[in-house]
Amino acid sequence: MENSIRTTLADDGTVTVTVSGEIDFSNSDEVARGIREAVADWSPPSVVVNLRDATFIDSTGLGALIEGYRAAVATGIDFRVVNPSDTFRRVLAVTGLSDFFGLIEAADAQSQATGS
Protein backbone atom coordinates (compact mmCIF):
# COMPACT_ATOMS: atom_id res chain seq x y z
CA MET A 1 0.00 0.00 0.00
CA GLU A 2 1.27 3.44 -0.89
CA ASN A 3 2.11 5.74 2.00
CA SER A 4 -1.04 7.71 2.77
CA ILE A 5 0.63 10.28 5.04
CA ARG A 6 2.69 13.27 3.87
CA THR A 7 4.18 15.78 6.28
CA THR A 8 5.40 19.23 5.27
CA LEU A 9 6.93 22.11 7.20
CA ALA A 10 5.94 25.66 6.19
CA ASP A 11 8.19 28.71 6.47
CA ASP A 12 6.20 29.90 9.51
CA GLY A 13 6.88 26.59 11.31
CA THR A 14 3.40 25.13 10.81
CA VAL A 15 3.43 21.42 10.11
CA THR A 16 0.80 20.05 7.75
CA VAL A 17 0.01 16.36 7.84
CA THR A 18 -1.88 15.43 4.67
CA VAL A 19 -3.80 12.18 4.69
CA SER A 20 -4.79 10.49 1.42
CA GLY A 21 -7.23 7.64 0.94
CA GLU A 22 -8.95 5.85 3.77
CA ILE A 23 -8.31 6.41 7.45
CA ASP A 24 -9.30 3.16 9.08
CA PHE A 25 -8.03 0.24 11.13
CA SER A 26 -5.42 -0.58 8.48
CA ASN A 27 -3.58 2.74 8.79
CA SER A 28 -4.89 4.60 11.84
CA ASP A 29 -1.71 3.79 13.77
CA GLU A 30 0.32 5.31 10.91
CA VAL A 31 -1.81 8.47 10.95
CA ALA A 32 -1.47 8.88 14.72
CA ARG A 33 2.28 8.18 14.53
CA GLY A 34 2.68 10.74 11.71
CA ILE A 35 1.07 13.44 13.84
CA ARG A 36 3.00 12.47 16.99
CA GLU A 37 6.29 12.48 15.08
CA ALA A 38 5.53 15.90 13.59
CA VAL A 39 4.98 17.23 17.11
CA ALA A 40 8.10 15.57 18.51
CA ASP A 41 10.44 16.24 15.57
CA TRP A 42 9.59 19.88 14.89
CA SER A 43 7.81 21.29 17.97
CA PRO A 44 5.78 23.50 15.62
CA PRO A 45 3.49 26.29 16.78
CA SER A 46 0.65 24.58 14.90
CA VAL A 47 -0.20 21.20 13.41
CA VAL A 48 -2.75 21.10 10.60
CA VAL A 49 -4.24 17.81 9.43
CA ASN A 50 -5.38 18.20 5.84
CA LEU A 51 -8.17 15.78 4.87
CA ARG A 52 -8.71 17.09 1.32
CA ASP A 53 -7.56 13.79 -0.23
CA ALA A 54 -9.03 11.49 2.42
CA THR A 55 -11.91 9.34 1.18
CA PHE A 56 -13.17 7.50 4.27
CA ILE A 57 -12.83 7.55 8.04
CA ASP A 58 -13.98 5.04 10.64
CA SER A 59 -13.87 5.08 14.44
CA THR A 60 -10.20 4.05 14.54
CA GLY A 61 -9.43 6.94 12.18
CA LEU A 62 -11.25 9.33 14.50
CA GLY A 63 -9.24 7.83 17.34
CA ALA A 64 -6.02 8.58 15.45
CA LEU A 65 -7.04 12.23 15.04
CA ILE A 66 -7.90 12.43 18.74
CA GLU A 67 -4.54 10.89 19.64
CA GLY A 68 -2.79 13.46 17.43
CA TYR A 69 -4.81 16.25 19.04
CA ARG A 70 -3.79 15.09 22.51
CA ALA A 71 -0.11 14.88 21.55
CA ALA A 72 -0.20 18.42 20.17
CA VAL A 73 -2.12 20.16 22.95
CA ALA A 74 -0.13 18.36 25.65
CA THR A 75 2.87 20.36 24.47
CA GLY A 76 0.99 23.62 23.85
CA ILE A 77 0.72 23.20 20.07
CA ASP A 78 -2.38 24.38 18.19
CA PHE A 79 -4.14 21.52 16.37
CA ARG A 80 -6.62 21.88 13.52
CA VAL A 81 -8.27 19.64 10.97
CA VAL A 82 -8.91 21.28 7.59
CA ASN A 83 -10.60 20.50 4.28
CA PRO A 84 -12.86 17.65 5.37
CA SER A 85 -15.32 16.44 2.76
CA ASP A 86 -19.00 17.07 3.48
CA THR A 87 -19.28 13.45 4.66
CA PHE A 88 -16.34 13.85 7.04
CA ARG A 89 -17.72 17.14 8.29
CA ARG A 90 -21.03 15.43 9.15
CA VAL A 91 -19.20 12.63 10.97
CA LEU A 92 -17.17 15.17 12.94
CA ALA A 93 -20.29 17.22 13.73
CA VAL A 94 -22.32 14.18 14.86
CA THR A 95 -19.48 13.00 17.10
CA GLY A 96 -18.96 16.49 18.54
CA LEU A 97 -15.42 16.70 17.19
CA SER A 98 -15.87 19.70 14.84
CA ASP A 99 -15.22 22.29 17.54
CA PHE A 100 -12.62 20.03 19.15
CA PHE A 101 -10.58 20.07 15.92
CA GLY A 102 -11.05 23.77 15.19
CA LEU A 103 -13.48 23.34 12.31
CA ILE A 104 -15.85 26.18 11.55
CA GLU A 105 -19.15 25.17 10.04
CA ALA A 106 -19.63 26.38 6.46
CA ALA A 107 -22.45 28.77 7.40
CA ASP A 108 -20.36 30.25 10.22
CA ALA A 109 -17.37 30.67 7.90
CA GLN A 110 -19.49 32.43 5.29
CA SER A 111 -21.01 34.81 7.84
CA GLN A 112 -17.54 35.61 9.20
CA ALA A 113 -16.29 36.30 5.67
CA THR A 114 -19.18 38.66 4.93
CA GLY A 115 -19.15 40.26 8.38
CA SER A 116 -22.75 39.38 9.16
C-alpha atoms as a PDB file:
ATOM      1  CA  MET A   1       0.000   0.000   0.000  1.00  0.00           C
ATOM      2  CA  GLU A   2       1.270   3.444  -0.895  1.00  0.00           C
ATOM      3  CA  ASN A   3       2.108   5.744   1.998  1.00  0.00           C
ATOM      4  CA  SER A   4      -1.044   7.714   2.773  1.00  0.00           C
ATOM      5  CA  ILE A   5       0.629  10.281   5.045  1.00  0.00           C
ATOM      6  CA  ARG A   6       2.689  13.271   3.871  1.00  0.00           C
ATOM      7  CA  THR A   7       4.177  15.784   6.284  1.00  0.00           C
ATOM      8  CA  THR A   8       5.398  19.231   5.272  1.00  0.00           C
ATOM      9  CA  LEU A   9       6.932  22.113   7.201  1.00  0.00           C
ATOM     10  CA  ALA A  10       5.941  25.665   6.188  1.00  0.00           C
ATOM     11  CA  ASP A  11       8.187  28.710   6.475  1.00  0.00           C
ATOM     12  CA  ASP A  12       6.196  29.896   9.511  1.00  0.00           C
ATOM     13  CA  GLY A  13       6.879  26.593  11.310  1.00  0.00           C
ATOM     14  CA  THR A  14       3.404  25.132  10.809  1.00  0.00           C
ATOM     15  CA  VAL A  15       3.434  21.418  10.112  1.00  0.00           C
ATOM     16  CA  THR A  16       0.800  20.051   7.752  1.00  0.00           C
ATOM     17  CA  VAL A  17       0.006  16.357   7.844  1.00  0.00           C
ATOM     18  CA  THR A  18      -1.877  15.433   4.671  1.00  0.00           C
ATOM     19  CA  VAL A  19      -3.801  12.175   4.692  1.00  0.00           C
ATOM     20  CA  SER A  20      -4.794  10.495   1.419  1.00  0.00           C
ATOM     21  CA  GLY A  21      -7.229   7.635   0.942  1.00  0.00           C
ATOM     22  CA  GLU A  22      -8.946   5.850   3.773  1.00  0.00           C
ATOM     23  CA  ILE A  23      -8.309   6.410   7.454  1.00  0.00           C
ATOM     24  CA  ASP A  24      -9.303   3.161   9.082  1.00  0.00           C
ATOM     25  CA  PHE A  25      -8.030   0.239  11.128  1.00  0.00           C
ATOM     26  CA  SER A  26      -5.422  -0.579   8.479  1.00  0.00           C
ATOM     27  CA  ASN A  27      -3.577   2.739   8.791  1.00  0.00           C
ATOM     28  CA  SER A  28      -4.892   4.603  11.838  1.00  0.00           C
ATOM     29  CA  ASP A  29      -1.707   3.791  13.768  1.00  0.00           C
ATOM     30  CA  GLU A  30       0.319   5.306  10.913  1.00  0.00           C
ATOM     31  CA  VAL A  31      -1.814   8.471  10.950  1.00  0.00           C
ATOM     32  CA  ALA A  32      -1.470   8.877  14.719  1.00  0.00           C
ATOM     33  CA  ARG A  33       2.283   8.177  14.533  1.00  0.00           C
ATOM     34  CA  GLY A  34       2.682  10.737  11.709  1.00  0.00           C
ATOM     35  CA  ILE A  35       1.065  13.437  13.838  1.00  0.00           C
ATOM     36  CA  ARG A  36       2.997  12.470  16.994  1.00  0.00           C
ATOM     37  CA  GLU A  37       6.294  12.478  15.081  1.00  0.00           C
ATOM     38  CA  ALA A  38       5.527  15.904  13.588  1.00  0.00           C
ATOM     39  CA  VAL A  39       4.976  17.232  17.109  1.00  0.00           C
ATOM     40  CA  ALA A  40       8.099  15.574  18.513  1.00  0.00           C
ATOM     41  CA  ASP A  41      10.439  16.237  15.574  1.00  0.00           C
ATOM     42  CA  TRP A  42       9.594  19.879  14.890  1.00  0.00           C
ATOM     43  CA  SER A  43       7.808  21.287  17.967  1.00  0.00           C
ATOM     44  CA  PRO A  44       5.784  23.498  15.622  1.00  0.00           C
ATOM     45  CA  PRO A  45       3.490  26.290  16.783  1.00  0.00           C
ATOM     46  CA  SER A  46       0.654  24.583  14.901  1.00  0.00           C
ATOM     47  CA  VAL A  47      -0.205  21.202  13.406  1.00  0.00           C
ATOM     48  CA  VAL A  48      -2.750  21.101  10.595  1.00  0.00           C
ATOM     49  CA  VAL A  49      -4.239  17.805   9.434  1.00  0.00           C
ATOM     50  CA  ASN A  50      -5.385  18.198   5.838  1.00  0.00           C
ATOM     51  CA  LEU A  51      -8.173  15.784   4.873  1.00  0.00           C
ATOM     52  CA  ARG A  52      -8.706  17.091   1.321  1.00  0.00           C
ATOM     53  CA  ASP A  53      -7.559  13.787  -0.229  1.00  0.00           C
ATOM     54  CA  ALA A  54      -9.030  11.486   2.420  1.00  0.00           C
ATOM     55  CA  THR A  55     -11.912   9.342   1.181  1.00  0.00           C
ATOM     56  CA  PHE A  56     -13.173   7.496   4.267  1.00  0.00           C
ATOM     57  CA  ILE A  57     -12.834   7.549   8.037  1.00  0.00           C
ATOM     58  CA  ASP A  58     -13.977   5.039  10.641  1.00  0.00           C
ATOM     59  CA  SER A  59     -13.869   5.080  14.441  1.00  0.00           C
ATOM     60  CA  THR A  60     -10.204   4.051  14.542  1.00  0.00           C
ATOM     61  CA  GLY A  61      -9.427   6.935  12.182  1.00  0.00           C
ATOM     62  CA  LEU A  62     -11.251   9.327  14.501  1.00  0.00           C
ATOM     63  CA  GLY A  63      -9.236   7.826  17.345  1.00  0.00           C
ATOM     64  CA  ALA A  64      -6.017   8.577  15.453  1.00  0.00           C
ATOM     65  CA  LEU A  65      -7.039  12.228  15.044  1.00  0.00           C
ATOM     66  CA  ILE A  66      -7.898  12.426  18.742  1.00  0.00           C
ATOM     67  CA  GLU A  67      -4.536  10.892  19.638  1.00  0.00           C
ATOM     68  CA  GLY A  68      -2.791  13.461  17.431  1.00  0.00           C
ATOM     69  CA  TYR A  69      -4.805  16.249  19.037  1.00  0.00           C
ATOM     70  CA  ARG A  70      -3.792  15.086  22.510  1.00  0.00           C
ATOM     71  CA  ALA A  71      -0.107  14.881  21.552  1.00  0.00           C
ATOM     72  CA  ALA A  72      -0.204  18.418  20.170  1.00  0.00           C
ATOM     73  CA  VAL A  73      -2.118  20.159  22.950  1.00  0.00           C
ATOM     74  CA  ALA A  74      -0.133  18.362  25.649  1.00  0.00           C
ATOM     75  CA  THR A  75       2.873  20.363  24.468  1.00  0.00           C
ATOM     76  CA  GLY A  76       0.988  23.617  23.849  1.00  0.00           C
ATOM     77  CA  ILE A  77       0.717  23.201  20.071  1.00  0.00           C
ATOM     78  CA  ASP A  78      -2.379  24.379  18.190  1.00  0.00           C
ATOM     79  CA  PHE A  79      -4.138  21.516  16.374  1.00  0.00           C
ATOM     80  CA  ARG A  80      -6.625  21.882  13.520  1.00  0.00           C
ATOM     81  CA  VAL A  81      -8.273  19.639  10.968  1.00  0.00           C
ATOM     82  CA  VAL A  82      -8.911  21.284   7.589  1.00  0.00           C
ATOM     83  CA  ASN A  83     -10.604  20.497   4.280  1.00  0.00           C
ATOM     84  CA  PRO A  84     -12.855  17.651   5.368  1.00  0.00           C
ATOM     85  CA  SER A  85     -15.325  16.442   2.762  1.00  0.00           C
ATOM     86  CA  ASP A  86     -19.002  17.065   3.482  1.00  0.00           C
ATOM     87  CA  THR A  87     -19.283  13.448   4.658  1.00  0.00           C
ATOM     88  CA  PHE A  88     -16.338  13.852   7.039  1.00  0.00           C
ATOM     89  CA  ARG A  89     -17.718  17.143   8.285  1.00  0.00           C
ATOM     90  CA  ARG A  90     -21.025  15.432   9.146  1.00  0.00           C
ATOM     91  CA  VAL A  91     -19.204  12.627  10.975  1.00  0.00           C
ATOM     92  CA  LEU A  92     -17.166  15.171  12.944  1.00  0.00           C
ATOM     93  CA  ALA A  93     -20.289  17.219  13.725  1.00  0.00           C
ATOM     94  CA  VAL A  94     -22.316  14.183  14.859  1.00  0.00           C
ATOM     95  CA  THR A  95     -19.477  12.999  17.099  1.00  0.00           C
ATOM     96  CA  GLY A  96     -18.962  16.485  18.544  1.00  0.00           C
ATOM     97  CA  LEU A  97     -15.420  16.705  17.186  1.00  0.00           C
ATOM     98  CA  SER A  98     -15.871  19.701  14.840  1.00  0.00           C
ATOM     99  CA  ASP A  99     -15.222  22.286  17.538  1.00  0.00           C
ATOM    100  CA  PHE A 100     -12.624  20.031  19.148  1.00  0.00           C
ATOM    101  CA  PHE A 101     -10.582  20.069  15.922  1.00  0.00           C
ATOM    102  CA  GLY A 102     -11.047  23.771  15.189  1.00  0.00           C
ATOM    103  CA  LEU A 103     -13.477  23.335  12.314  1.00  0.00           C
ATOM    104  CA  ILE A 104     -15.848  26.179  11.554  1.00  0.00           C
ATOM    105  CA  GLU A 105     -19.148  25.169  10.044  1.00  0.00           C
ATOM    106  CA  ALA A 106     -19.630  26.384   6.457  1.00  0.00           C
ATOM    107  CA  ALA A 107     -22.453  28.769   7.403  1.00  0.00           C
ATOM    108  CA  ASP A 108     -20.365  30.252  10.220  1.00  0.00           C
ATOM    109  CA  ALA A 109     -17.369  30.674   7.901  1.00  0.00           C
ATOM    110  CA  GLN A 110     -19.486  32.428   5.286  1.00  0.00           C
ATOM    111  CA  SER A 111     -21.014  34.815   7.844  1.00  0.00           C
ATOM    112  CA  GLN A 112     -17.538  35.611   9.202  1.00  0.00           C
ATOM    113  CA  ALA A 113     -16.288  36.296   5.673  1.00  0.00           C
ATOM    114  CA  THR A 114     -19.181  38.656   4.933  1.00  0.00           C
ATOM    115  CA  GLY A 115     -19.146  40.262   8.376  1.00  0.00           C
ATOM    116  CA  SER A 116     -22.749  39.383   9.160  1.00  0.00           C
END
